[in-house]
Protein backbone atom coordinates (compact mmCIF):
# COMPACT_ATOMS: atom_id res chain seq x y z
CA MET A 1 -9.31 -21.47 -14.39
CA GLY A 2 -6.80 -18.82 -13.30
CA TRP A 3 -7.59 -15.20 -12.61
CA SER A 4 -6.71 -12.61 -15.27
CA ARG A 5 -7.71 -9.05 -16.17
CA ASP A 6 -10.23 -10.34 -18.74
CA ARG A 7 -11.81 -12.76 -16.31
CA LEU A 8 -12.07 -10.05 -13.65
CA GLU A 9 -13.76 -7.71 -16.14
CA ASP A 10 -16.40 -10.34 -16.97
CA PHE A 11 -16.76 -11.23 -13.31
CA ALA A 12 -17.22 -7.60 -12.24
CA ASN A 13 -19.94 -7.03 -14.80
CA THR A 14 -21.81 -10.01 -13.37
CA ARG A 15 -21.23 -9.45 -9.65
CA LEU A 16 -21.78 -5.69 -9.55
CA ARG A 17 -25.07 -5.97 -11.45
CA GLY A 18 -24.72 -2.49 -12.91
CA ALA A 19 -23.54 -0.75 -9.73
CA LYS A 20 -20.80 1.83 -10.30
CA LEU A 21 -17.39 1.02 -8.79
CA ILE A 22 -15.74 3.93 -6.95
CA VAL A 23 -12.30 3.47 -5.39
CA VAL A 24 -11.13 6.01 -2.78
CA SER A 25 -7.51 6.47 -1.74
CA ASN A 26 -5.24 9.26 -0.61
CA ARG A 27 -2.64 8.62 -3.32
CA GLU A 28 -3.64 8.97 -6.96
CA PRO A 29 -2.67 6.36 -9.58
CA TYR A 30 -1.41 8.99 -12.05
CA ILE A 31 0.16 12.39 -11.43
CA HIS A 32 0.43 15.30 -13.86
CA ARG A 33 3.33 17.69 -13.43
CA GLN A 34 5.01 20.58 -15.21
CA ARG A 35 8.31 19.80 -16.89
CA ASP A 36 10.10 22.29 -19.14
CA GLY A 37 6.90 24.19 -19.93
CA ALA A 38 4.91 21.06 -20.81
CA VAL A 39 2.55 18.82 -18.83
CA GLU A 40 3.71 15.24 -18.41
CA TRP A 41 2.24 12.34 -16.45
CA MET A 42 3.83 9.69 -14.27
CA ARG A 43 2.87 6.72 -12.14
CA PRO A 44 3.72 7.38 -8.48
CA ALA A 45 5.62 4.83 -6.45
CA GLY A 46 3.65 2.76 -3.96
CA GLY A 47 2.23 -0.72 -3.57
CA LEU A 48 -1.39 0.41 -3.24
CA THR A 49 -1.62 2.26 -6.54
CA THR A 50 0.47 -0.35 -8.38
CA ALA A 51 -1.84 -3.10 -7.14
CA LEU A 52 -5.17 -1.36 -7.75
CA ASP A 53 -4.55 0.24 -11.14
CA PRO A 54 -4.83 -3.10 -13.01
CA VAL A 55 -8.11 -3.77 -11.17
CA MET A 56 -9.55 -0.42 -12.23
CA ARG A 57 -8.37 -0.95 -15.79
CA ALA A 58 -10.30 -4.21 -15.81
CA CYS A 59 -13.45 -3.00 -14.02
CA GLY A 60 -13.72 0.66 -15.04
CA GLY A 61 -15.46 3.17 -12.79
CA THR A 62 -13.99 6.13 -10.90
CA TRP A 63 -10.98 6.53 -8.61
CA VAL A 64 -11.24 9.42 -6.11
CA ALA A 65 -7.88 10.64 -4.79
CA HIS A 66 -5.92 13.67 -3.61
CA GLY A 67 -4.62 15.69 -6.54
CA SER A 68 -0.99 16.28 -5.57
CA GLY A 69 0.74 17.08 -8.86
CA ASP A 70 1.59 20.66 -9.79
CA ALA A 71 -0.21 20.22 -13.14
CA ASP A 72 -3.10 18.09 -11.87
CA ARG A 73 -5.62 20.95 -12.08
CA ALA A 74 -4.59 21.81 -15.62
CA ALA A 75 -5.18 18.20 -16.72
CA CYS A 76 -8.70 18.01 -15.23
CA ASP A 77 -12.02 19.09 -16.67
CA ARG A 78 -14.33 21.51 -14.84
CA HIS A 79 -15.63 18.63 -12.72
CA ASP A 80 -12.09 17.81 -11.47
CA ARG A 81 -12.01 14.61 -13.55
CA VAL A 82 -9.46 13.21 -15.99
CA ALA A 83 -9.51 9.94 -17.96
CA VAL A 84 -6.71 7.51 -17.10
CA PRO A 85 -4.38 5.87 -17.92
CA PRO A 86 -3.48 8.94 -19.96
CA ASP A 87 -2.13 6.86 -22.86
CA ASP A 88 -5.03 4.37 -22.93
CA PRO A 89 -8.01 5.59 -20.85
CA SER A 90 -10.22 2.97 -19.22
CA TYR A 91 -11.52 4.72 -16.06
CA GLN A 92 -12.00 8.16 -14.53
CA LEU A 93 -9.79 9.82 -11.90
CA ARG A 94 -11.63 12.36 -9.73
CA ARG A 95 -9.26 14.62 -7.85
CA VAL A 96 -9.87 16.24 -4.47
CA TRP A 97 -7.90 19.40 -3.68
CA LEU A 98 -6.36 19.94 -0.25
CA THR A 99 -4.81 23.08 1.20
CA PRO A 100 -1.28 22.83 2.65
CA GLU A 101 -2.84 23.11 6.12
CA GLN A 102 -5.21 20.23 5.43
CA GLU A 103 -2.43 18.04 4.06
CA ALA A 104 -0.21 18.84 7.04
CA GLY A 105 -2.89 18.05 9.62
CA TYR A 106 -4.70 15.13 7.96
CA TYR A 107 -1.90 13.32 6.11
CA TYR A 108 1.39 14.13 7.85
CA GLY A 109 -0.38 14.71 11.14
CA PHE A 110 -3.15 12.30 12.09
CA ALA A 111 -2.73 9.64 9.40
CA ASN A 112 1.05 9.29 9.57
CA SER A 113 2.00 10.60 13.01
CA THR A 114 -0.91 8.97 14.86
CA LEU A 115 -2.50 6.01 13.03
CA TRP A 116 0.65 4.78 11.25
CA PRO A 117 2.81 4.29 14.38
CA LEU A 118 -0.25 3.20 16.39
CA CYS A 119 -0.94 0.31 14.00
CA HIS A 120 2.69 -0.64 13.37
CA GLN A 121 4.07 -2.02 16.61
CA VAL A 122 7.65 -0.84 16.09
CA TYR A 123 8.09 1.15 19.31
CA ARG A 124 7.44 4.62 17.88
CA GLN A 125 5.20 6.72 20.12
CA PRO A 126 2.20 8.14 18.25
CA THR A 127 1.32 11.80 18.61
CA PHE A 128 -2.21 12.72 19.64
CA ASP A 129 -2.76 16.30 18.50
CA PRO A 130 -6.39 17.54 18.64
CA ALA A 131 -5.69 19.92 15.72
CA HIS A 132 -4.57 16.99 13.57
CA TRP A 133 -7.73 15.09 14.51
CA GLU A 134 -9.94 18.01 13.47
CA GLU A 135 -8.18 18.26 10.11
CA TYR A 136 -8.52 14.51 9.62
CA LYS A 137 -12.26 14.80 10.12
CA ARG A 138 -12.53 17.73 7.70
CA VAL A 139 -10.61 15.96 4.95
CA ASN A 140 -12.64 12.78 5.36
CA ALA A 141 -15.68 15.05 4.92
CA LEU A 142 -14.31 16.57 1.72
CA PHE A 143 -13.72 13.11 0.27
CA ALA A 144 -17.21 12.03 1.32
CA GLU A 145 -18.74 14.90 -0.61
CA ALA A 146 -16.67 14.07 -3.70
CA VAL A 147 -17.64 10.39 -3.52
CA LEU A 148 -21.33 11.25 -3.18
CA GLU A 149 -21.12 13.45 -6.24
CA GLU A 150 -19.56 10.59 -8.21
CA ALA A 151 -22.22 8.16 -6.95
CA ARG A 152 -25.18 10.26 -8.11
CA GLY A 153 -27.94 8.65 -10.10
CA GLY A 154 -27.74 5.00 -9.23
CA PRO A 155 -26.35 2.15 -7.15
CA ALA A 156 -22.64 2.19 -6.36
CA LEU A 157 -19.98 0.13 -4.64
CA ILE A 158 -17.52 2.32 -2.75
CA PHE A 159 -14.14 0.67 -2.14
CA VAL A 160 -12.25 2.71 0.46
CA GLN A 161 -8.50 2.25 0.83
CA ASP A 162 -6.49 2.37 4.00
CA TYR A 163 -6.08 4.28 7.23
CA HIS A 164 -6.46 7.75 5.74
CA PHE A 165 -10.25 7.36 5.67
CA ALA A 166 -11.37 5.62 8.84
CA LEU A 167 -14.31 8.03 9.21
CA LEU A 168 -15.44 8.02 5.57
CA PRO A 169 -17.60 4.86 5.53
CA ARG A 170 -19.95 6.07 8.28
CA MET A 171 -20.26 9.48 6.59
CA LEU A 172 -21.22 7.84 3.31
CA LYS A 173 -23.78 5.56 4.90
CA ALA A 174 -25.37 8.46 6.78
CA ALA A 175 -25.93 10.24 3.47
CA ARG A 176 -26.69 7.23 1.26
CA PRO A 177 -27.77 4.13 3.20
CA ASP A 178 -28.24 2.30 -0.11
CA LEU A 179 -24.53 2.45 -0.96
CA VAL A 180 -22.45 -0.68 -0.56
CA VAL A 181 -19.25 0.35 1.21
CA ALA A 182 -16.16 -1.84 1.67
CA GLN A 183 -12.78 -0.89 3.06
CA PHE A 184 -9.36 -2.49 2.79
CA TRP A 185 -6.93 -1.65 5.59
CA HIS A 186 -3.49 -2.00 4.01
CA ILE A 187 -1.51 -1.80 7.26
CA PRO A 188 -1.68 -4.04 10.36
CA TRP A 189 -4.34 -3.71 13.03
CA PRO A 190 -2.83 -3.62 16.54
CA HIS A 191 -3.74 -5.45 19.73
CA PRO A 192 -6.65 -3.91 21.68
CA GLU A 193 -4.31 -2.74 24.45
CA THR A 194 -2.25 -0.81 21.91
CA PHE A 195 -5.23 0.80 20.22
CA ALA A 196 -6.76 1.74 23.58
CA VAL A 197 -4.33 4.64 24.02
CA CYS A 198 -5.95 6.58 21.14
CA PRO A 199 -8.21 9.34 22.54
CA TRP A 200 -10.50 9.11 19.49
CA GLY A 201 -10.59 5.33 19.27
CA LYS A 202 -14.37 5.05 19.57
CA GLU A 203 -14.95 7.53 16.75
CA ILE A 204 -12.45 5.72 14.51
CA LEU A 205 -14.06 2.34 15.10
CA ALA A 206 -17.56 3.74 14.62
CA GLY A 207 -16.46 5.19 11.30
CA MET A 208 -14.99 1.89 10.14
CA LEU A 209 -18.13 0.02 11.16
CA GLY A 210 -20.03 2.05 8.58
CA ASN A 211 -18.62 -0.49 6.12
CA ASP A 212 -20.55 -3.49 4.89
CA LEU A 213 -17.21 -5.27 4.58
CA MET A 214 -14.01 -4.51 6.51
CA ALA A 215 -11.01 -6.37 5.06
CA PHE A 216 -7.46 -6.89 6.31
CA HIS A 217 -4.46 -8.81 5.00
CA THR A 218 -4.45 -11.60 7.59
CA GLN A 219 -6.75 -13.42 9.97
CA HIS A 220 -4.59 -12.18 12.83
CA HIS A 221 -5.43 -8.56 11.97
CA CYS A 222 -9.12 -9.51 11.75
CA ASN A 223 -8.91 -11.09 15.19
CA ASN A 224 -7.26 -7.98 16.63
CA PHE A 225 -9.94 -5.76 15.10
CA MET A 226 -12.78 -7.89 16.48
CA ASP A 227 -11.16 -7.90 19.93
CA THR A 228 -10.71 -4.11 19.77
CA VAL A 229 -14.35 -3.52 18.85
CA ASP A 230 -15.50 -5.94 21.55
CA ARG A 231 -13.53 -4.06 24.24
CA THR A 232 -14.26 -0.54 23.04
CA LEU A 233 -17.84 -0.24 21.75
CA GLU A 234 -21.29 -1.40 22.76
CA CYS A 235 -21.65 -3.68 19.75
CA ARG A 236 -22.43 -7.33 19.20
CA THR A 237 -19.50 -9.34 17.82
CA ASP A 238 -20.41 -12.64 16.17
CA ARG A 239 -17.34 -14.89 16.02
CA ALA A 240 -19.15 -17.60 14.07
CA ARG A 241 -19.93 -15.23 11.18
CA PHE A 242 -17.00 -12.91 11.91
CA ALA A 243 -19.30 -9.92 11.85
CA VAL A 244 -20.06 -6.91 14.03
CA THR A 245 -23.55 -5.53 14.52
CA CYS A 246 -23.48 -1.86 15.45
CA GLY A 247 -26.34 0.62 15.23
CA GLY A 248 -28.59 -1.95 13.58
CA SER A 249 -26.22 -2.68 10.67
CA ASP A 250 -23.74 -5.50 10.08
CA THR A 251 -20.07 -5.28 9.13
CA LEU A 252 -18.38 -8.43 7.86
CA VAL A 253 -14.69 -8.74 8.85
CA ARG A 254 -12.60 -10.79 6.45
CA PRO A 255 -8.95 -11.56 5.57
CA HIS A 256 -8.09 -10.81 1.93
CA PRO A 257 -4.30 -10.82 1.40
CA ILE A 258 -3.48 -8.41 -1.42
CA SER A 259 -1.18 -9.33 -4.27
CA VAL A 260 0.32 -8.06 -7.54
CA ASP A 261 -0.27 -8.40 -11.27
CA PRO A 262 2.34 -10.96 -12.45
CA GLY A 263 2.00 -9.59 -15.98
CA LEU A 264 3.61 -6.31 -14.91
CA ALA A 265 6.96 -8.06 -14.61
CA ASP A 266 6.88 -8.97 -18.30
CA GLU A 267 5.82 -5.42 -19.17
CA TYR A 268 8.55 -3.75 -17.11
CA LEU A 269 11.35 -6.18 -17.95
CA ALA A 270 10.68 -6.40 -21.70
CA ASP A 271 13.66 -7.39 -23.85
CA ASP A 272 16.12 -4.76 -22.63
CA TRP A 273 16.29 -5.47 -18.90
CA GLU A 274 19.91 -6.59 -19.13
CA GLY A 275 20.90 -3.30 -20.72
CA ARG A 276 19.11 -1.31 -18.03
CA ALA A 277 20.64 -3.42 -15.28
CA GLY A 278 24.08 -2.96 -16.85
CA ARG A 279 23.67 0.81 -17.01
CA LEU A 280 22.62 0.90 -13.35
CA ARG A 281 25.60 -1.22 -12.38
CA ALA A 282 27.92 1.10 -14.28
CA ARG A 283 26.39 4.26 -12.80
CA LEU A 284 26.66 2.92 -9.25
CA GLY A 285 30.08 1.29 -9.64
CA LEU A 286 28.79 -2.22 -8.92
CA GLY A 287 30.92 -4.13 -11.40
CA ASP A 288 29.82 -7.70 -11.93
CA LEU A 289 29.62 -8.79 -8.28
CA PRO A 290 26.47 -10.51 -6.92
CA LEU A 291 23.84 -8.07 -5.65
CA LEU A 292 21.62 -8.21 -2.62
CA VAL A 293 18.93 -5.55 -3.00
CA GLY A 294 16.47 -3.83 -0.70
CA VAL A 295 13.64 -1.80 -2.22
CA ASP A 296 11.68 0.38 0.20
CA ARG A 297 10.38 3.75 1.10
CA VAL A 298 12.66 5.07 3.83
CA ASP A 299 10.24 4.33 6.65
CA TYR A 300 10.97 3.15 10.19
CA THR A 301 8.67 0.13 9.76
CA LYS A 302 10.81 -1.33 6.96
CA GLY A 303 13.80 -2.37 9.07
CA ILE A 304 16.47 -0.70 6.94
CA PRO A 305 18.91 0.01 9.81
CA GLU A 306 18.38 -3.54 11.05
CA ARG A 307 19.30 -5.04 7.67
CA LEU A 308 22.40 -2.84 7.45
CA ARG A 309 23.50 -4.12 10.85
CA ALA A 310 22.97 -7.64 9.49
CA VAL A 311 25.27 -6.82 6.55
CA ASP A 312 27.85 -5.66 9.10
CA ARG A 313 27.51 -8.92 11.04
CA LEU A 314 27.80 -10.98 7.86
CA LEU A 315 31.10 -9.30 7.01
CA GLU A 316 32.38 -9.74 10.57
CA GLN A 317 31.41 -13.40 10.87
CA HIS A 318 32.33 -14.42 7.32
CA PRO A 319 35.38 -12.48 6.20
CA GLU A 320 35.47 -14.61 3.06
CA THR A 321 32.50 -12.55 1.82
CA VAL A 322 34.46 -9.27 1.98
CA GLY A 323 34.84 -7.92 -1.55
CA GLY A 324 32.46 -10.57 -2.89
CA PHE A 325 29.11 -8.78 -3.15
CA HIS A 326 27.31 -5.45 -2.89
CA PHE A 327 24.24 -4.67 -0.81
CA LEU A 328 22.23 -2.11 -2.79
CA GLN A 329 19.53 -0.25 -0.86
CA LEU A 330 16.99 1.64 -2.96
CA GLY A 331 15.37 4.02 -0.50
CA ALA A 332 12.73 6.31 -1.94
CA PRO A 333 12.46 9.45 0.24
CA SER A 334 9.21 9.45 2.22
CA ARG A 335 7.45 11.96 4.50
CA THR A 336 10.64 13.91 5.04
CA VAL A 337 8.71 16.81 6.57
CA LEU A 338 8.34 14.64 9.68
CA PRO A 339 11.30 14.64 12.12
CA ALA A 340 11.19 10.86 12.63
CA TYR A 341 11.75 10.31 8.91
CA ARG A 342 14.56 12.85 8.63
CA GLU A 343 16.26 11.19 11.59
CA LEU A 344 15.87 7.79 9.94
CA ASN A 345 17.48 9.03 6.71
CA ASP A 346 20.41 10.35 8.75
CA GLU A 347 20.73 7.06 10.62
CA VAL A 348 20.74 5.02 7.41
CA ARG A 349 23.44 7.21 5.85
CA ARG A 350 25.53 7.08 9.03
CA LEU A 351 25.31 3.29 9.27
CA ALA A 352 26.23 2.84 5.61
CA ASP A 353 29.26 5.11 6.00
CA GLU A 354 30.38 3.26 9.13
CA ILE A 355 30.05 -0.17 7.50
CA ASN A 356 31.85 0.97 4.37
CA ALA A 357 34.66 2.53 6.44
CA ARG A 358 35.01 -0.62 8.57
CA HIS A 359 34.93 -3.22 5.80
CA GLY A 360 35.37 -1.43 2.48
CA SER A 361 38.38 -0.45 0.47
CA ALA A 362 39.35 2.07 -2.18
CA ASP A 363 37.82 -0.07 -4.93
CA TRP A 364 34.98 -1.85 -3.07
CA GLN A 365 32.13 -0.62 -0.89
CA PRO A 366 29.80 -3.23 0.63
CA VAL A 367 26.80 -0.89 1.01
CA VAL A 368 25.53 1.29 -1.83
CA LEU A 369 22.65 3.67 -1.09
CA LEU A 370 20.38 5.02 -3.81
CA ASN A 371 18.17 7.54 -2.00
CA GLU A 372 15.90 8.51 -4.89
CA HIS A 373 12.70 7.54 -6.67
CA CYS A 374 13.36 4.89 -9.30
CA GLY A 375 11.09 3.92 -12.16
CA ALA A 376 9.47 0.50 -12.21
CA GLU A 377 11.52 -0.55 -15.24
CA ASP A 378 14.79 0.00 -13.33
CA ILE A 379 13.48 -1.65 -10.16
CA TYR A 380 12.37 -4.78 -12.00
CA ALA A 381 15.70 -4.92 -13.84
CA LEU A 382 17.42 -4.98 -10.44
CA TYR A 383 15.02 -7.66 -9.17
CA ARG A 384 15.88 -9.76 -12.22
CA ASP A 385 19.63 -9.17 -11.84
CA ALA A 386 19.95 -9.71 -8.08
CA ALA A 387 21.21 -12.74 -6.23
CA GLY A 388 18.70 -11.95 -3.52
CA CYS A 389 16.09 -9.48 -2.33
CA VAL A 390 15.93 -8.52 1.35
CA VAL A 391 12.57 -7.59 2.90
CA SER A 392 13.21 -7.07 6.62
CA SER A 393 10.07 -5.24 7.75
CA LEU A 394 9.68 -4.86 11.49
CA HIS A 395 5.90 -4.99 11.02
CA ASP A 396 4.06 -4.94 7.70
CA GLY A 397 0.54 -5.63 6.56
CA MET A 398 1.75 -7.50 3.47
CA ASN A 399 4.78 -5.98 1.66
CA LEU A 400 4.36 -6.30 -2.09
CA VAL A 401 8.09 -5.93 -2.81
CA ALA A 402 8.43 -9.60 -1.84
CA LYS A 403 5.81 -10.63 -4.40
CA GLU A 404 7.16 -8.28 -7.08
CA PHE A 405 10.60 -9.87 -6.75
CA VAL A 406 9.13 -13.33 -7.23
CA THR A 407 7.24 -12.32 -10.38
CA ALA A 408 10.44 -10.81 -11.82
CA ARG A 409 12.28 -14.17 -11.76
CA PRO A 410 11.13 -16.30 -14.71
CA ASP A 411 14.64 -17.80 -14.54
CA GLU A 412 13.58 -19.39 -11.23
CA GLN A 413 16.75 -18.11 -9.58
CA GLY A 414 17.31 -15.60 -6.79
CA VAL A 415 16.61 -15.85 -3.07
CA LEU A 416 14.00 -13.93 -1.10
CA VAL A 417 15.09 -13.10 2.47
CA LEU A 418 11.82 -12.23 4.20
CA SER A 419 10.86 -10.96 7.64
CA GLU A 420 8.56 -13.20 9.63
CA PHE A 421 6.67 -10.01 10.62
CA ALA A 422 5.59 -9.19 7.07
CA GLY A 423 2.20 -10.52 6.00
CA ALA A 424 3.82 -11.98 2.88
CA ALA A 425 5.68 -14.51 5.07
CA GLN A 426 2.40 -16.41 5.58
CA GLU A 427 2.17 -17.07 1.84
CA LEU A 428 5.80 -17.16 0.65
CA THR A 429 6.96 -19.92 2.96
CA ASP A 430 9.79 -20.92 0.60
CA ALA A 431 11.57 -17.64 1.28
CA VAL A 432 14.42 -17.59 3.79
CA ILE A 433 12.41 -16.39 6.79
CA VAL A 434 14.24 -14.25 9.35
CA ASN A 435 13.59 -12.22 12.48
CA PRO A 436 14.81 -8.72 11.53
CA PHE A 437 15.53 -7.89 15.17
CA ASP A 438 18.08 -10.76 15.24
CA ALA A 439 21.19 -9.44 13.49
CA ASP A 440 22.96 -12.82 13.53
CA GLY A 441 19.93 -14.67 12.17
CA THR A 442 19.41 -12.11 9.42
CA ALA A 443 23.11 -12.24 8.56
CA ALA A 444 22.72 -16.01 8.15
CA GLY A 445 19.82 -15.33 5.80
CA LEU A 446 21.99 -12.99 3.71
CA LEU A 447 24.71 -15.64 3.55
CA ALA A 448 22.11 -18.17 2.37
CA ALA A 449 21.09 -15.80 -0.43
CA LEU A 450 24.72 -15.59 -1.59
CA THR A 451 25.52 -19.30 -1.34
CA MET A 452 22.31 -21.26 -1.99
CA PRO A 453 22.76 -23.89 -4.72
CA ALA A 454 20.95 -23.21 -7.99
CA ASP A 455 18.78 -26.32 -7.70
CA GLU A 456 17.46 -25.27 -4.30
CA GLN A 457 16.86 -21.73 -5.55
CA ARG A 458 14.86 -23.21 -8.43
CA ARG A 459 12.72 -25.40 -6.17
CA ARG A 460 11.91 -22.54 -3.82
CA MET A 461 11.32 -19.92 -6.52
CA ARG A 462 9.11 -22.23 -8.58
CA ARG A 463 6.78 -22.77 -5.63
CA MET A 464 6.68 -19.06 -4.75
CA ARG A 465 5.96 -18.10 -8.36
CA ALA A 466 3.11 -20.61 -8.47
CA GLN A 467 1.69 -19.12 -5.26
CA VAL A 468 1.80 -15.52 -6.52
CA GLY A 469 0.65 -16.50 -10.00
CA GLU A 470 -2.48 -18.17 -8.64
CA HIS A 471 -3.14 -15.70 -5.81
CA ASN A 472 -2.72 -12.59 -7.94
CA ILE A 473 -4.31 -9.14 -7.72
CA PHE A 474 -7.21 -10.16 -9.96
CA ARG A 475 -8.08 -13.06 -7.67
CA TRP A 476 -7.91 -10.68 -4.69
CA ALA A 477 -10.32 -8.27 -6.38
CA GLY A 478 -12.58 -11.08 -7.56
CA ARG A 479 -12.92 -12.55 -4.08
CA LEU A 480 -13.71 -9.12 -2.64
CA LEU A 481 -16.29 -8.50 -5.35
CA THR A 482 -17.83 -11.86 -4.59
CA GLU A 483 -18.36 -10.78 -0.97
CA VAL A 484 -19.70 -7.30 -1.68
CA GLY A 485 -21.55 -8.25 -4.86
CA ARG A 486 -24.05 -10.14 -2.76
CA LEU A 487 -24.84 -6.83 -1.08
CA ALA A 488 -25.05 -4.72 -4.27
CA PRO A 489 -28.52 -3.17 -4.83
CA ASP A 490 -30.73 -4.15 -7.73
CA PRO A 491 -30.36 -1.62 -10.57
CA ALA A 492 -34.16 -1.38 -10.65
CA THR A 493 -34.02 0.42 -7.31
CA GLU A 494 -31.61 3.15 -8.44
CA VAL A 495 -31.53 6.35 -6.42
CA GLY A 496 -32.38 9.36 -8.59
CA ASP A 497 -30.61 12.70 -8.51
CA ASP A 498 -33.43 14.36 -6.59
CA GLU A 499 -33.40 11.70 -3.92
CA HIS A 500 -29.59 11.92 -3.69
CA ASP A 501 -29.80 15.67 -3.21
CA SER A 502 -32.14 15.13 -0.28
CA PHE A 503 -29.48 12.97 1.41
CA LEU A 504 -26.95 15.79 1.22
CA GLY A 505 -28.94 17.65 3.82
CA VAL A 506 -28.13 15.06 6.48
CA ILE A 507 -24.40 14.63 5.83
CA PRO A 508 -22.75 15.08 9.24
CA PHE A 509 -19.87 17.21 7.98
CA PRO A 510 -19.30 20.69 6.51
CA THR A 511 -19.69 21.31 2.78
CA ARG A 512 -16.74 22.17 0.55
CA SER A 513 -18.01 25.73 0.16
CA ALA A 514 -18.14 26.15 3.91
CA VAL A 515 -14.57 24.93 4.27
CA ALA A 516 -13.38 27.22 1.46
CA ALA A 517 -15.11 30.18 3.09
CA GLY A 518 -13.39 29.47 6.39
CA ALA A 519 -16.66 28.72 8.16
CA VAL A 520 -15.16 25.68 9.87
């Protein structure tokens, strides 16, 4: 029996045994914003929120996230909660408010200038700013307080997302030892020698080992994490069970490759995808030529300059392709307050201009850049319309664009050109696998996408669609719930409000009121 939203809902009710599900992430699944004097809502771009929203719709519960929209406060009740999805509510969104200073230090600073480059081995030097570290700790504390408020009155499973909250699990366990806490690390985990340069490495690992379950995309990342713990902390690592015992408690370490909801492709494509694709082609001057598409945030881990250089090599080595296709790069702006990201945007534009000047003509440009946020309906229309999708990550935990592209091809056509350094390459073995650092090899992959016979495309795509269809987001969530459900407390032993309040006195971080008053 395959995994679906309905099956996950039934499964969650059984496995959680009445425990409340609370998901924690930096990014919220829905944003409210002011537009022309009215409040409107939108789904933000991002693989994490796109993947987890269907799970929360199936399971219910509460999602705790940073409220970043300019109308988010107006949409919330006095407890900072709002029911979502706004057009068909099925779970609660609890928003946490951050000051500009907190966002700068915690998010742009420690999370994305320290942990992000540290974990992605793409030769970017992390920054180690003590002020960023202090803000990271404070924001983890604010989220811990919000989660504990949401968990009042009974057993709860806390599902923490990603590298923004490495300290949160230990904080939660210190306040509520009865909570079941699991964390999914959506980015790679580096080799121990790489992680060793972090001045606060022991504190980060200790925080993560507050989890009952620590999950990564691949076994390789699990191995790296176990090796890092073994070399850094005085803990017992059990390779037979793949568990760490630290401070008298166990943390299971498991691979759980994340996926997508295949049903979203049907929802986003609908019956008018050809019209949307045609309007995009007309707006961008693409004519009716075959398209190779890249869909990414403009981030230095995604290999966008490398794929542009591969386009250049393709045109040099195979002049017969000149004038015969367009490479369309959708690049959603990302973290542009950071110099490294502004420099990357400049590099991408410069490379595109150089390639177009070298190979293009008055009526044909090989590279077309769309540096803006696009809606899912337009992105899926492009997936469906493209001859190939190029995912050339230099290092990626999974990369859900690869799986989205596969779900968008019920015609069983189209070629996926996929980096061997993306986690998705371990599952989608029928893609054209390339080394993104090898311009000639990637150029050969692009040529394959443009010339592969339809029968071979069909054979490859059929197998990839079967893989993603079976190993979908609901299966991912169900397998995780199977692991943590064994640890969920019996509802008969619920923690009452008075007992919860007594735990607040031992939380090892400042209260929200203290932060607001400037006491920390």
